[in-house]
Amino acid sequence: MAYQVALGKSKGAGGRQGIPARQPHLYPPELFAGPEAAPETWWTCVRTRPRWEKKFAGWLRERGWTHFLPVFPHESVAGRKRRVADLPLFPGFVFVAGRLGKKDFTATGCVAYVLDPRGLAEARQLHRELAGIWRGLTEGAYVAPVRNLASGEICRITEGPLQGVEARFERAGRKGRLILQVEMMGGGIAVEVPEGGVEVT
């Protein structure tokens, strides 16, 4: 998976550090706490089509399937309008309980592939990590996705004036920015975008 998570007490963008993030895409809601808390769960990582994570989570909930789509509040400003949206912490991934394969989700039409833990030890570690992420989100810890892009990896810019343009990752910049190379007119230009403003193609 091309994402990691940073949990900390530092102030987040928009001054939202310390604000608990409700987890509407956790089913059952008491999965990590309360009498229904699962001590250990085998999680299958399901890769969906871009921007289909919430629809897929809704499909799972309708059928009563245990799942977790971690989301965090992201604040953006366009003109004078301030908007807060719940964004997937791991874009493109939803965690579903059980040993499952792509064929189990054929009816959704939105699953690209699935990833399974490699053995019991890795399955237990994944469960502990997901429980820790849930705890950090719901207790208001600052949570941010950390993208592990390799030099030369192709991305698509998802916001700003170059939205939809494909670019090649060059290096990480300062203050959560990424430096990308965009091919134009037989040459290239370097552009700087926020960390959350790209998706891997």
C-alpha atoms as a PDB file:
ATOM      1  CA  MET A   1       0.000   0.000   0.000  1.00  0.00           C
ATOM      2  CA  ALA A   2       1.410   3.414  -0.935  1.00  0.00           C
ATOM      3  CA  TYR A   3       0.238   5.199   2.216  1.00  0.00           C
ATOM      4  CA  GLN A   4       1.245   5.460   5.834  1.00  0.00           C
ATOM      5  CA  VAL A   5      -0.362   7.430   8.650  1.00  0.00           C
ATOM      6  CA  ALA A   6       1.111  10.043  10.963  1.00  0.00           C
ATOM      7  CA  LEU A   7      -0.530  10.338  14.375  1.00  0.00           C
ATOM      8  CA  GLY A   8       0.578  13.181  16.588  1.00  0.00           C
ATOM      9  CA  LYS A   9      -0.268  16.175  18.711  1.00  0.00           C
ATOM     10  CA  SER A  10       0.972  18.821  16.297  1.00  0.00           C
ATOM     11  CA  LYS A  11      -1.483  21.417  15.060  1.00  0.00           C
ATOM     12  CA  GLY A  12      -3.109  20.328  11.808  1.00  0.00           C
ATOM     13  CA  ALA A  13      -4.079  22.392   8.776  1.00  0.00           C
ATOM     14  CA  GLY A  14      -6.880  24.812   9.418  1.00  0.00           C
ATOM     15  CA  GLY A  15      -6.409  24.599  13.174  1.00  0.00           C
ATOM     16  CA  ARG A  16      -8.486  21.426  13.493  1.00  0.00           C
ATOM     17  CA  GLN A  17      -6.029  19.559  15.722  1.00  0.00           C
ATOM     18  CA  GLY A  18      -7.694  18.005  18.726  1.00  0.00           C
ATOM     19  CA  ILE A  19     -11.146  17.716  17.155  1.00  0.00           C
ATOM     20  CA  PRO A  20     -12.483  14.139  17.297  1.00  0.00           C
ATOM     21  CA  ALA A  21     -13.356  12.708  13.895  1.00  0.00           C
ATOM     22  CA  ARG A  22     -16.501  10.588  13.867  1.00  0.00           C
ATOM     23  CA  GLN A  23     -16.202   7.397  11.858  1.00  0.00           C
ATOM     24  CA  PRO A  24     -19.443   6.981   9.878  1.00  0.00           C
ATOM     25  CA  HIS A  25     -18.019   4.143   7.788  1.00  0.00           C
ATOM     26  CA  LEU A  26     -17.285   1.728  10.626  1.00  0.00           C
ATOM     27  CA  TYR A  27     -19.653  -1.232  10.965  1.00  0.00           C
ATOM     28  CA  PRO A  28     -20.632  -2.299  13.508  1.00  0.00           C
ATOM     29  CA  PRO A  29     -20.018   1.051  15.285  1.00  0.00           C
ATOM     30  CA  GLU A  30     -18.763  -0.736  18.439  1.00  0.00           C
ATOM     31  CA  LEU A  31     -16.201  -2.774  16.523  1.00  0.00           C
ATOM     32  CA  PHE A  32     -13.177  -1.423  18.409  1.00  0.00           C
ATOM     33  CA  ALA A  33     -14.871  -0.550  21.707  1.00  0.00           C
ATOM     34  CA  GLY A  34     -17.675  -1.754  23.913  1.00  0.00           C
ATOM     35  CA  PRO A  35     -19.146  -5.233  24.366  1.00  0.00           C
ATOM     36  CA  GLU A  36     -18.878  -6.045  20.641  1.00  0.00           C
ATOM     37  CA  ALA A  37     -15.199  -5.133  20.399  1.00  0.00           C
ATOM     38  CA  ALA A  38     -13.360  -7.713  18.316  1.00  0.00           C
ATOM     39  CA  PRO A  39     -10.101  -8.916  19.966  1.00  0.00           C
ATOM     40  CA  GLU A  40      -8.697 -10.004  16.614  1.00  0.00           C
ATOM     41  CA  THR A  41     -10.103  -9.757  13.110  1.00  0.00           C
ATOM     42  CA  TRP A  42      -8.691 -10.920   9.775  1.00  0.00           C
ATOM     43  CA  TRP A  43      -8.948  -7.890   7.470  1.00  0.00           C
ATOM     44  CA  THR A  44      -8.979  -7.975   3.686  1.00  0.00           C
ATOM     45  CA  CYS A  45      -7.828  -4.717   2.078  1.00  0.00           C
ATOM     46  CA  VAL A  46     -10.131  -3.968  -0.844  1.00  0.00           C
ATOM     47  CA  ARG A  47      -8.930  -1.564  -3.549  1.00  0.00           C
ATOM     48  CA  THR A  48     -11.810   0.318  -5.154  1.00  0.00           C
ATOM     49  CA  ARG A  49     -12.064   2.529  -8.192  1.00  0.00           C
ATOM     50  CA  PRO A  50     -11.046   6.156  -7.467  1.00  0.00           C
ATOM     51  CA  ARG A  51     -13.586   8.024  -5.314  1.00  0.00           C
ATOM     52  CA  TRP A  52     -15.779   4.939  -4.836  1.00  0.00           C
ATOM     53  CA  GLU A  53     -14.723   4.182  -1.261  1.00  0.00           C
ATOM     54  CA  LYS A  54     -17.850   5.598   0.431  1.00  0.00           C
ATOM     55  CA  LYS A  55     -20.240   3.994  -2.060  1.00  0.00           C
ATOM     56  CA  PHE A  56     -18.542   0.652  -1.522  1.00  0.00           C
ATOM     57  CA  ALA A  57     -18.736   1.090   2.268  1.00  0.00           C
ATOM     58  CA  GLY A  58     -22.467   1.815   1.899  1.00  0.00           C
ATOM     59  CA  TRP A  59     -22.894  -1.378  -0.127  1.00  0.00           C
ATOM     60  CA  LEU A  60     -21.169  -3.348   2.624  1.00  0.00           C
ATOM     61  CA  ARG A  61     -23.286  -1.778   5.363  1.00  0.00           C
ATOM     62  CA  GLU A  62     -26.536  -2.620   3.547  1.00  0.00           C
ATOM     63  CA  ARG A  63     -25.482  -6.258   3.677  1.00  0.00           C
ATOM     64  CA  GLY A  64     -24.280  -6.175   7.273  1.00  0.00           C
ATOM     65  CA  TRP A  65     -20.629  -6.858   6.398  1.00  0.00           C
ATOM     66  CA  THR A  66     -18.082  -5.774   9.011  1.00  0.00           C
ATOM     67  CA  HIS A  67     -15.875  -3.068   7.510  1.00  0.00           C
ATOM     68  CA  PHE A  68     -13.845   0.054   8.239  1.00  0.00           C
ATOM     69  CA  LEU A  69     -13.187   3.031   5.989  1.00  0.00           C
ATOM     70  CA  PRO A  70     -11.117   5.462   8.114  1.00  0.00           C
ATOM     71  CA  VAL A  71     -11.869   9.114   7.313  1.00  0.00           C
ATOM     72  CA  PHE A  72     -10.422  12.368   8.614  1.00  0.00           C
ATOM     73  CA  PRO A  73     -11.743  15.955   8.433  1.00  0.00           C
ATOM     74  CA  HIS A  74     -10.082  18.008   5.691  1.00  0.00           C
ATOM     75  CA  GLU A  75     -10.644  21.748   5.530  1.00  0.00           C
ATOM     76  CA  SER A  76     -10.396  23.631   2.235  1.00  0.00           C
ATOM     77  CA  VAL A  77     -11.054  27.220   1.234  1.00  0.00           C
ATOM     78  CA  ALA A  78     -12.343  28.312  -2.175  1.00  0.00           C
ATOM     79  CA  GLY A  79     -12.804  32.042  -2.441  1.00  0.00           C
ATOM     80  CA  ARG A  80     -14.590  33.014   0.752  1.00  0.00           C
ATOM     81  CA  LYS A  81     -16.168  29.637   1.305  1.00  0.00           C
ATOM     82  CA  ARG A  82     -14.707  27.270   3.861  1.00  0.00           C
ATOM     83  CA  ARG A  83     -15.566  23.598   3.459  1.00  0.00           C
ATOM     84  CA  VAL A  84     -14.875  20.606   5.685  1.00  0.00           C
ATOM     85  CA  ALA A  85     -15.156  17.146   4.152  1.00  0.00           C
ATOM     86  CA  ASP A  86     -14.496  13.635   5.443  1.00  0.00           C
ATOM     87  CA  LEU A  87     -11.685  12.244   3.280  1.00  0.00           C
ATOM     88  CA  PRO A  88     -10.504   8.622   3.225  1.00  0.00           C
ATOM     89  CA  LEU A  89      -7.286   8.225   5.182  1.00  0.00           C
ATOM     90  CA  PHE A  90      -6.150   5.568   2.688  1.00  0.00           C
ATOM     91  CA  PRO A  91      -7.565   6.718  -0.664  1.00  0.00           C
ATOM     92  CA  GLY A  92      -8.926   3.788  -2.645  1.00  0.00           C
ATOM     93  CA  PHE A  93      -8.871   1.273   0.223  1.00  0.00           C
ATOM     94  CA  VAL A  94     -11.639  -0.148   2.415  1.00  0.00           C
ATOM     95  CA  PHE A  95     -10.946  -2.801   5.054  1.00  0.00           C
ATOM     96  CA  VAL A  96     -13.423  -5.704   5.157  1.00  0.00           C
ATOM     97  CA  ALA A  97     -13.464  -8.402   7.833  1.00  0.00           C
ATOM     98  CA  GLY A  98     -12.887 -11.943   6.629  1.00  0.00           C
ATOM     99  CA  ARG A  99     -10.793 -13.873   4.116  1.00  0.00           C
ATOM    100  CA  LEU A 100     -12.342 -12.595   0.922  1.00  0.00           C
ATOM    101  CA  GLY A 101     -11.513 -12.405  -2.766  1.00  0.00           C
ATOM    102  CA  LYS A 102     -12.376 -10.066  -5.616  1.00  0.00           C
ATOM    103  CA  LYS A 103     -15.184 -12.412  -6.718  1.00  0.00           C
ATOM    104  CA  ASP A 104     -17.000 -11.696  -3.442  1.00  0.00           C
ATOM    105  CA  PHE A 105     -17.490  -8.100  -4.604  1.00  0.00           C
ATOM    106  CA  THR A 106     -18.236  -8.626  -8.301  1.00  0.00           C
ATOM    107  CA  ALA A 107     -21.747  -7.204  -7.909  1.00  0.00           C
ATOM    108  CA  THR A 108     -20.378  -3.779  -6.909  1.00  0.00           C
ATOM    109  CA  GLY A 109     -18.553  -3.182 -10.198  1.00  0.00           C
ATOM    110  CA  CYS A 110     -16.053  -0.967  -8.360  1.00  0.00           C
ATOM    111  CA  VAL A 111     -13.399  -3.315  -6.933  1.00  0.00           C
ATOM    112  CA  ALA A 112     -10.032  -3.446  -8.685  1.00  0.00           C
ATOM    113  CA  TYR A 113      -8.254  -6.006  -6.494  1.00  0.00           C
ATOM    114  CA  VAL A 114      -7.864  -7.216  -2.908  1.00  0.00           C
ATOM    115  CA  LEU A 115      -4.828  -7.560  -0.634  1.00  0.00           C
ATOM    116  CA  ASP A 116      -4.552 -10.159   2.120  1.00  0.00           C
ATOM    117  CA  PRO A 117      -2.247 -10.241   5.151  1.00  0.00           C
ATOM    118  CA  ARG A 118       0.640 -12.668   4.707  1.00  0.00           C
ATOM    119  CA  GLY A 119      -0.029 -14.919   7.635  1.00  0.00           C
ATOM    120  CA  LEU A 120      -1.485 -14.673  11.114  1.00  0.00           C
ATOM    121  CA  ALA A 121       1.203 -12.386  12.547  1.00  0.00           C
ATOM    122  CA  GLU A 122       0.633  -9.778   9.837  1.00  0.00           C
ATOM    123  CA  ALA A 123      -3.155 -10.110  10.247  1.00  0.00           C
ATOM    124  CA  ARG A 124      -2.863  -9.419  13.984  1.00  0.00           C
ATOM    125  CA  GLN A 125      -0.601  -6.442  13.340  1.00  0.00           C
ATOM    126  CA  LEU A 126      -3.065  -4.978  10.822  1.00  0.00           C
ATOM    127  CA  HIS A 127      -5.904  -5.328  13.335  1.00  0.00           C
ATOM    128  CA  ARG A 128      -3.848  -3.539  16.005  1.00  0.00           C
ATOM    129  CA  GLU A 129      -2.951  -0.766  13.557  1.00  0.00           C
ATOM    130  CA  LEU A 130      -6.570  -0.234  12.489  1.00  0.00           C
ATOM    131  CA  ALA A 131      -7.693  -0.173  16.128  1.00  0.00           C
ATOM    132  CA  GLY A 132      -4.964   2.401  16.859  1.00  0.00           C
ATOM    133  CA  ILE A 133      -6.016   4.553  13.912  1.00  0.00           C
ATOM    134  CA  TRP A 134      -9.653   4.408  15.047  1.00  0.00           C
ATOM    135  CA  ARG A 135      -8.614   5.440  18.563  1.00  0.00           C
ATOM    136  CA  GLY A 136      -6.506   8.334  17.294  1.00  0.00           C
ATOM    137  CA  LEU A 137      -9.267   9.598  15.017  1.00  0.00           C
ATOM    138  CA  THR A 138     -12.043   9.367  17.581  1.00  0.00           C
ATOM    139  CA  GLU A 139      -9.970  10.928  20.378  1.00  0.00           C
ATOM    140  CA  GLY A 140      -9.035  13.939  18.277  1.00  0.00           C
ATOM    141  CA  ALA A 141      -5.349  13.243  17.647  1.00  0.00           C
ATOM    142  CA  TYR A 142      -3.891  14.996  14.622  1.00  0.00           C
ATOM    143  CA  VAL A 143      -4.021  12.460  11.805  1.00  0.00           C
ATOM    144  CA  ALA A 144      -2.552  12.917   8.351  1.00  0.00           C
ATOM    145  CA  PRO A 145      -1.862  10.538   5.473  1.00  0.00           C
ATOM    146  CA  VAL A 146       1.802  10.281   4.508  1.00  0.00           C
ATOM    147  CA  ARG A 147       2.263   9.404   0.870  1.00  0.00           C
ATOM    148  CA  ASN A 148       5.252   7.235  -0.064  1.00  0.00           C
ATOM    149  CA  LEU A 149       5.826   8.191  -3.682  1.00  0.00           C
ATOM    150  CA  ALA A 150       8.836   6.906  -5.580  1.00  0.00           C
ATOM    151  CA  SER A 151      10.842   9.241  -7.782  1.00  0.00           C
ATOM    152  CA  GLY A 152       9.442   9.087 -11.315  1.00  0.00           C
ATOM    153  CA  GLU A 153       6.033   7.734 -10.257  1.00  0.00           C
ATOM    154  CA  ILE A 154       3.139   9.006 -12.381  1.00  0.00           C
ATOM    155  CA  CYS A 155       0.403  10.935 -10.535  1.00  0.00           C
ATOM    156  CA  ARG A 156      -2.732  12.857 -11.435  1.00  0.00           C
ATOM    157  CA  ILE A 157      -3.277  16.325  -9.969  1.00  0.00           C
ATOM    158  CA  THR A 158      -6.707  16.397  -8.302  1.00  0.00           C
ATOM    159  CA  GLU A 159      -7.135  20.063  -7.346  1.00  0.00           C
ATOM    160  CA  GLY A 160      -6.179  23.542  -8.465  1.00  0.00           C
ATOM    161  CA  PRO A 161      -5.773  24.982 -11.984  1.00  0.00           C
ATOM    162  CA  LEU A 162      -3.969  21.848 -13.233  1.00  0.00           C
ATOM    163  CA  GLN A 163      -6.658  19.450 -11.996  1.00  0.00           C
ATOM    164  CA  GLY A 164      -6.744  16.291 -14.136  1.00  0.00           C
ATOM    165  CA  VAL A 165      -3.227  16.753 -15.525  1.00  0.00           C
ATOM    166  CA  GLU A 166      -0.791  13.835 -15.207  1.00  0.00           C
ATOM    167  CA  ALA A 167       2.629  14.574 -13.751  1.00  0.00           C
ATOM    168  CA  ARG A 168       5.792  12.777 -12.670  1.00  0.00           C
ATOM    169  CA  PHE A 169       6.770  12.894  -8.996  1.00  0.00           C
ATOM    170  CA  GLU A 170      10.186  14.454  -8.468  1.00  0.00           C
ATOM    171  CA  ARG A 171      10.640  15.017  -4.733  1.00  0.00           C
ATOM    172  CA  ALA A 172       8.960  16.113  -1.523  1.00  0.00           C
ATOM    173  CA  GLY A 173       8.992  19.860  -0.902  1.00  0.00           C
ATOM    174  CA  ARG A 174       8.536  21.823   2.284  1.00  0.00           C
ATOM    175  CA  LYS A 175       5.471  22.112   4.499  1.00  0.00           C
ATOM    176  CA  GLY A 176       3.599  19.138   3.047  1.00  0.00           C
ATOM    177  CA  ARG A 177       4.142  20.063  -0.606  1.00  0.00           C
ATOM    178  CA  LEU A 178       5.137  17.849  -3.530  1.00  0.00           C
ATOM    179  CA  ILE A 179       7.308  18.851  -6.494  1.00  0.00           C
ATOM    180  CA  LEU A 180       6.025  17.373  -9.766  1.00  0.00           C
ATOM    181  CA  GLN A 181       7.172  17.533 -13.381  1.00  0.00           C
ATOM    182  CA  VAL A 182       4.456  18.249 -15.960  1.00  0.00           C
ATOM    183  CA  GLU A 183       5.201  17.533 -19.619  1.00  0.00           C
ATOM    184  CA  MET A 184       4.264  20.512 -21.807  1.00  0.00           C
ATOM    185  CA  MET A 185       5.081  21.392 -25.415  1.00  0.00           C
ATOM    186  CA  GLY A 186       7.925  18.916 -25.754  1.00  0.00           C
ATOM    187  CA  GLY A 187       9.509  19.988 -22.476  1.00  0.00           C
ATOM    188  CA  GLY A 188       8.476  20.145 -18.879  1.00  0.00           C
ATOM    189  CA  ILE A 189       7.699  22.478 -16.018  1.00  0.00           C
ATOM    190  CA  ALA A 190       8.030  21.961 -12.276  1.00  0.00           C
ATOM    191  CA  VAL A 191       4.867  22.523 -10.239  1.00  0.00           C
ATOM    192  CA  GLU A 192       4.315  22.452  -6.501  1.00  0.00           C
ATOM    193  CA  VAL A 193       1.085  20.967  -5.132  1.00  0.00           C
ATOM    194  CA  PRO A 194      -0.172  20.068  -1.637  1.00  0.00           C
ATOM    195  CA  GLU A 195       0.398  16.489  -0.490  1.00  0.00           C
ATOM    196  CA  GLY A 196      -3.314  15.707  -0.668  1.00  0.00           C
ATOM    197  CA  GLY A 197      -3.683  17.174  -4.147  1.00  0.00           C
ATOM    198  CA  VAL A 198      -2.564  14.156  -6.167  1.00  0.00           C
ATOM    199  CA  GLU A 199      -3.577  10.555  -6.704  1.00  0.00           C
ATOM    200  CA  VAL A 200      -1.442   7.726  -8.035  1.00  0.00           C
ATOM    201  CA  THR A 201      -2.561   6.577 -11.493  1.00  0.00           C
END
